[in-house]
């Protein structure tokens, strides 16, 4: 019987926090969960998170992208920005932006044709 089922059958489920539940799991499951959580977190990052993870300051990105620091700060808080601006931001940290469209029941489609926006297809 799984740990979750045993907690549910005891009636403790509603009073058990996730943290205390995880502590009750065997060490091997705790490690698996931590690894998977880390993988998921690394797949979803804001621009600010990416910059900090790569150990760049806003000033570093500013000097390499040609945008001022205030623009970098505003850009990191926006949800709608120009593709060329995003490309410049990513390239200032040594990265390359790839655009992929995903649809149900289809493999991912890698978009090309953005060379004029600064996105070069180097695949």
C-alpha atoms as a PDB file:
ATOM      1  CA  UNK A   1       0.000   0.000   0.000  1.00  0.00           C
ATOM      2  CA  UNK A   2       1.390   3.415  -0.892  1.00  0.00           C
ATOM      3  CA  UNK A   3       2.225   5.951   1.797  1.00  0.00           C
ATOM      4  CA  UNK A   4      -0.453   8.278   0.402  1.00  0.00           C
ATOM      5  CA  UNK A   5      -3.138   5.598   0.632  1.00  0.00           C
ATOM      6  CA  UNK A   6      -2.149   4.715   4.197  1.00  0.00           C
ATOM      7  CA  UNK A   7      -2.357   8.375   5.259  1.00  0.00           C
ATOM      8  CA  UNK A   8      -5.709   8.736   3.496  1.00  0.00           C
ATOM      9  CA  UNK A   9      -7.130   5.615   5.186  1.00  0.00           C
ATOM     10  CA  UNK A  10      -6.009   6.825   8.611  1.00  0.00           C
ATOM     11  CA  UNK A  11      -7.957  10.023   8.078  1.00  0.00           C
ATOM     12  CA  UNK A  12      -4.855  12.154   8.572  1.00  0.00           C
ATOM     13  CA  UNK A  13      -4.796  13.413   5.026  1.00  0.00           C
ATOM     14  CA  UNK A  14      -6.645  16.660   5.614  1.00  0.00           C
ATOM     15  CA  UNK A  15      -4.456  17.598   8.590  1.00  0.00           C
ATOM     16  CA  UNK A  16      -1.139  16.640   6.999  1.00  0.00           C
ATOM     17  CA  UNK A  17       0.919  19.365   5.341  1.00  0.00           C
ATOM     18  CA  UNK A  18       2.845  18.594   2.182  1.00  0.00           C
ATOM     19  CA  UNK A  19       6.095  19.242   4.022  1.00  0.00           C
ATOM     20  CA  UNK A  20       5.294  16.737   6.788  1.00  0.00           C
ATOM     21  CA  UNK A  21       4.011  14.222   4.240  1.00  0.00           C
ATOM     22  CA  UNK A  22       7.263  14.447   2.260  1.00  0.00           C
ATOM     23  CA  UNK A  23       9.322  13.968   5.432  1.00  0.00           C
ATOM     24  CA  UNK A  24       7.509  10.652   6.035  1.00  0.00           C
ATOM     25  CA  UNK A  25       8.522   9.291   2.635  1.00  0.00           C
ATOM     26  CA  UNK A  26      11.543   7.021   2.287  1.00  0.00           C
ATOM     27  CA  UNK A  27      14.760   8.891   1.432  1.00  0.00           C
ATOM     28  CA  UNK A  28      14.893   7.480  -2.119  1.00  0.00           C
ATOM     29  CA  UNK A  29      11.448   8.968  -2.882  1.00  0.00           C
ATOM     30  CA  UNK A  30      12.395  12.308  -1.334  1.00  0.00           C
ATOM     31  CA  UNK A  31      15.468  12.461  -3.605  1.00  0.00           C
ATOM     32  CA  UNK A  32      13.393  11.578  -6.684  1.00  0.00           C
ATOM     33  CA  UNK A  33      10.853  14.268  -5.841  1.00  0.00           C
ATOM     34  CA  UNK A  34      13.551  16.912  -5.267  1.00  0.00           C
ATOM     35  CA  UNK A  35      15.244  16.049  -8.558  1.00  0.00           C
ATOM     36  CA  UNK A  36      11.977  16.158 -10.514  1.00  0.00           C
ATOM     37  CA  UNK A  37      10.972  19.437  -8.868  1.00  0.00           C
ATOM     38  CA  UNK A  38      14.340  20.904  -9.805  1.00  0.00           C
ATOM     39  CA  UNK A  39      13.927  19.722 -13.401  1.00  0.00           C
ATOM     40  CA  UNK A  40      10.470  21.292 -13.638  1.00  0.00           C
ATOM     41  CA  UNK A  41      11.606  24.551 -12.049  1.00  0.00           C
ATOM     42  CA  UNK A  42      14.551  24.812 -14.444  1.00  0.00           C
ATOM     43  CA  UNK A  43      12.187  24.470 -17.406  1.00  0.00           C
ATOM     44  CA  UNK A  44      10.087  27.443 -16.316  1.00  0.00           C
ATOM     45  CA  UNK A  45      12.087  30.550 -15.535  1.00  0.00           C
ATOM     46  CA  UNK A  46      11.475  34.256 -15.834  1.00  0.00           C
ATOM     47  CA  UNK A  47      14.025  36.437 -17.611  1.00  0.00           C
ATOM     48  CA  UNK A  48      15.161  37.710 -14.210  1.00  0.00           C
ATOM     49  CA  UNK A  49      15.613  34.130 -12.941  1.00  0.00           C
ATOM     50  CA  UNK A  50      17.659  33.213 -16.015  1.00  0.00           C
ATOM     51  CA  UNK A  51      19.886  36.276 -15.585  1.00  0.00           C
ATOM     52  CA  UNK A  52      20.466  35.592 -11.898  1.00  0.00           C
ATOM     53  CA  UNK A  53      21.079  31.879 -12.463  1.00  0.00           C
ATOM     54  CA  UNK A  54      23.730  32.750 -15.051  1.00  0.00           C
ATOM     55  CA  UNK A  55      25.189  35.254 -12.539  1.00  0.00           C
ATOM     56  CA  UNK A  56      24.709  38.338 -14.689  1.00  0.00           C
ATOM     57  CA  UNK A  57      23.704  41.709 -13.281  1.00  0.00           C
ATOM     58  CA  UNK A  58      21.307  44.032 -15.063  1.00  0.00           C
ATOM     59  CA  UNK A  59      24.334  46.254 -15.714  1.00  0.00           C
ATOM     60  CA  UNK A  60      26.191  43.337 -17.361  1.00  0.00           C
ATOM     61  CA  UNK A  61      23.266  42.655 -19.694  1.00  0.00           C
ATOM     62  CA  UNK A  62      22.829  46.369 -20.307  1.00  0.00           C
ATOM     63  CA  UNK A  63      26.418  46.893 -21.453  1.00  0.00           C
ATOM     64  CA  UNK A  64      26.387  43.826 -23.718  1.00  0.00           C
ATOM     65  CA  UNK A  65      22.959  44.444 -25.267  1.00  0.00           C
ATOM     66  CA  UNK A  66      23.173  48.180 -25.853  1.00  0.00           C
ATOM     67  CA  UNK A  67      20.065  48.791 -23.715  1.00  0.00           C
ATOM     68  CA  UNK A  68      20.300  50.875 -20.564  1.00  0.00           C
ATOM     69  CA  UNK A  69      19.904  49.293 -17.119  1.00  0.00           C
ATOM     70  CA  UNK A  70      16.472  50.840 -16.594  1.00  0.00           C
ATOM     71  CA  UNK A  71      15.260  49.241 -19.835  1.00  0.00           C
ATOM     72  CA  UNK A  72      16.585  45.858 -18.685  1.00  0.00           C
ATOM     73  CA  UNK A  73      14.723  46.253 -15.386  1.00  0.00           C
ATOM     74  CA  UNK A  74      11.437  47.083 -17.169  1.00  0.00           C
ATOM     75  CA  UNK A  75      11.934  44.297 -19.710  1.00  0.00           C
ATOM     76  CA  UNK A  76      12.255  41.711 -16.913  1.00  0.00           C
ATOM     77  CA  UNK A  77       8.851  42.717 -15.539  1.00  0.00           C
ATOM     78  CA  UNK A  78       7.011  42.695 -18.860  1.00  0.00           C
ATOM     79  CA  UNK A  79       5.019  39.844 -20.304  1.00  0.00           C
ATOM     80  CA  UNK A  80       4.744  41.382 -23.783  1.00  0.00           C
ATOM     81  CA  UNK A  81       7.868  42.479 -25.628  1.00  0.00           C
ATOM     82  CA  UNK A  82       9.352  42.602 -29.094  1.00  0.00           C
ATOM     83  CA  UNK A  83      11.032  39.467 -30.331  1.00  0.00           C
ATOM     84  CA  UNK A  84      14.124  41.466 -31.318  1.00  0.00           C
ATOM     85  CA  UNK A  85      14.381  42.853 -27.760  1.00  0.00           C
ATOM     86  CA  UNK A  86      14.164  39.365 -26.276  1.00  0.00           C
ATOM     87  CA  UNK A  87      16.811  38.123 -28.717  1.00  0.00           C
ATOM     88  CA  UNK A  88      19.177  40.947 -27.735  1.00  0.00           C
ATOM     89  CA  UNK A  89      18.625  40.206 -24.040  1.00  0.00           C
ATOM     90  CA  UNK A  90      19.333  36.477 -24.434  1.00  0.00           C
ATOM     91  CA  UNK A  91      22.344  37.014 -26.713  1.00  0.00           C
ATOM     92  CA  UNK A  92      23.854  39.503 -24.234  1.00  0.00           C
ATOM     93  CA  UNK A  93      24.209  36.575 -21.828  1.00  0.00           C
ATOM     94  CA  UNK A  94      25.747  34.331 -24.473  1.00  0.00           C
ATOM     95  CA  UNK A  95      22.549  32.462 -25.300  1.00  0.00           C
ATOM     96  CA  UNK A  96      20.575  31.827 -28.449  1.00  0.00           C
ATOM     97  CA  UNK A  97      16.803  32.017 -28.691  1.00  0.00           C
ATOM     98  CA  UNK A  98      14.986  29.179 -30.424  1.00  0.00           C
ATOM     99  CA  UNK A  99      11.276  29.389 -31.128  1.00  0.00           C
ATOM    100  CA  UNK A 100       9.221  26.218 -30.976  1.00  0.00           C
ATOM    101  CA  UNK A 101       5.483  25.872 -31.458  1.00  0.00           C
ATOM    102  CA  UNK A 102       3.704  22.970 -29.780  1.00  0.00           C
ATOM    103  CA  UNK A 103       0.320  21.601 -30.771  1.00  0.00           C
ATOM    104  CA  UNK A 104      -1.736  18.708 -29.419  1.00  0.00           C
ATOM    105  CA  UNK A 105      -0.963  15.360 -31.042  1.00  0.00           C
ATOM    106  CA  UNK A 106       1.960  16.723 -33.093  1.00  0.00           C
ATOM    107  CA  UNK A 107       5.704  16.855 -32.608  1.00  0.00           C
ATOM    108  CA  UNK A 108       7.156  20.317 -31.799  1.00  0.00           C
ATOM    109  CA  UNK A 109       7.701  22.626 -34.765  1.00  0.00           C
ATOM    110  CA  UNK A 110      10.876  24.753 -34.759  1.00  0.00           C
ATOM    111  CA  UNK A 111      10.082  28.147 -36.261  1.00  0.00           C
ATOM    112  CA  UNK A 112      12.507  29.723 -38.710  1.00  0.00           C
ATOM    113  CA  UNK A 113      12.574  32.863 -40.821  1.00  0.00           C
ATOM    114  CA  UNK A 114      13.273  35.369 -38.066  1.00  0.00           C
ATOM    115  CA  UNK A 115      16.741  36.313 -39.298  1.00  0.00           C
ATOM    116  CA  UNK A 116      15.594  39.905 -39.870  1.00  0.00           C
ATOM    117  CA  UNK A 117      14.669  40.136 -36.170  1.00  0.00           C
ATOM    118  CA  UNK A 118      18.157  39.060 -35.142  1.00  0.00           C
ATOM    119  CA  UNK A 119      17.238  35.393 -34.696  1.00  0.00           C
ATOM    120  CA  UNK A 120      19.584  33.245 -36.698  1.00  0.00           C
ATOM    121  CA  UNK A 121      18.788  29.622 -37.421  1.00  0.00           C
ATOM    122  CA  UNK A 122      22.091  27.959 -36.507  1.00  0.00           C
ATOM    123  CA  UNK A 123      20.728  24.416 -36.330  1.00  0.00           C
END
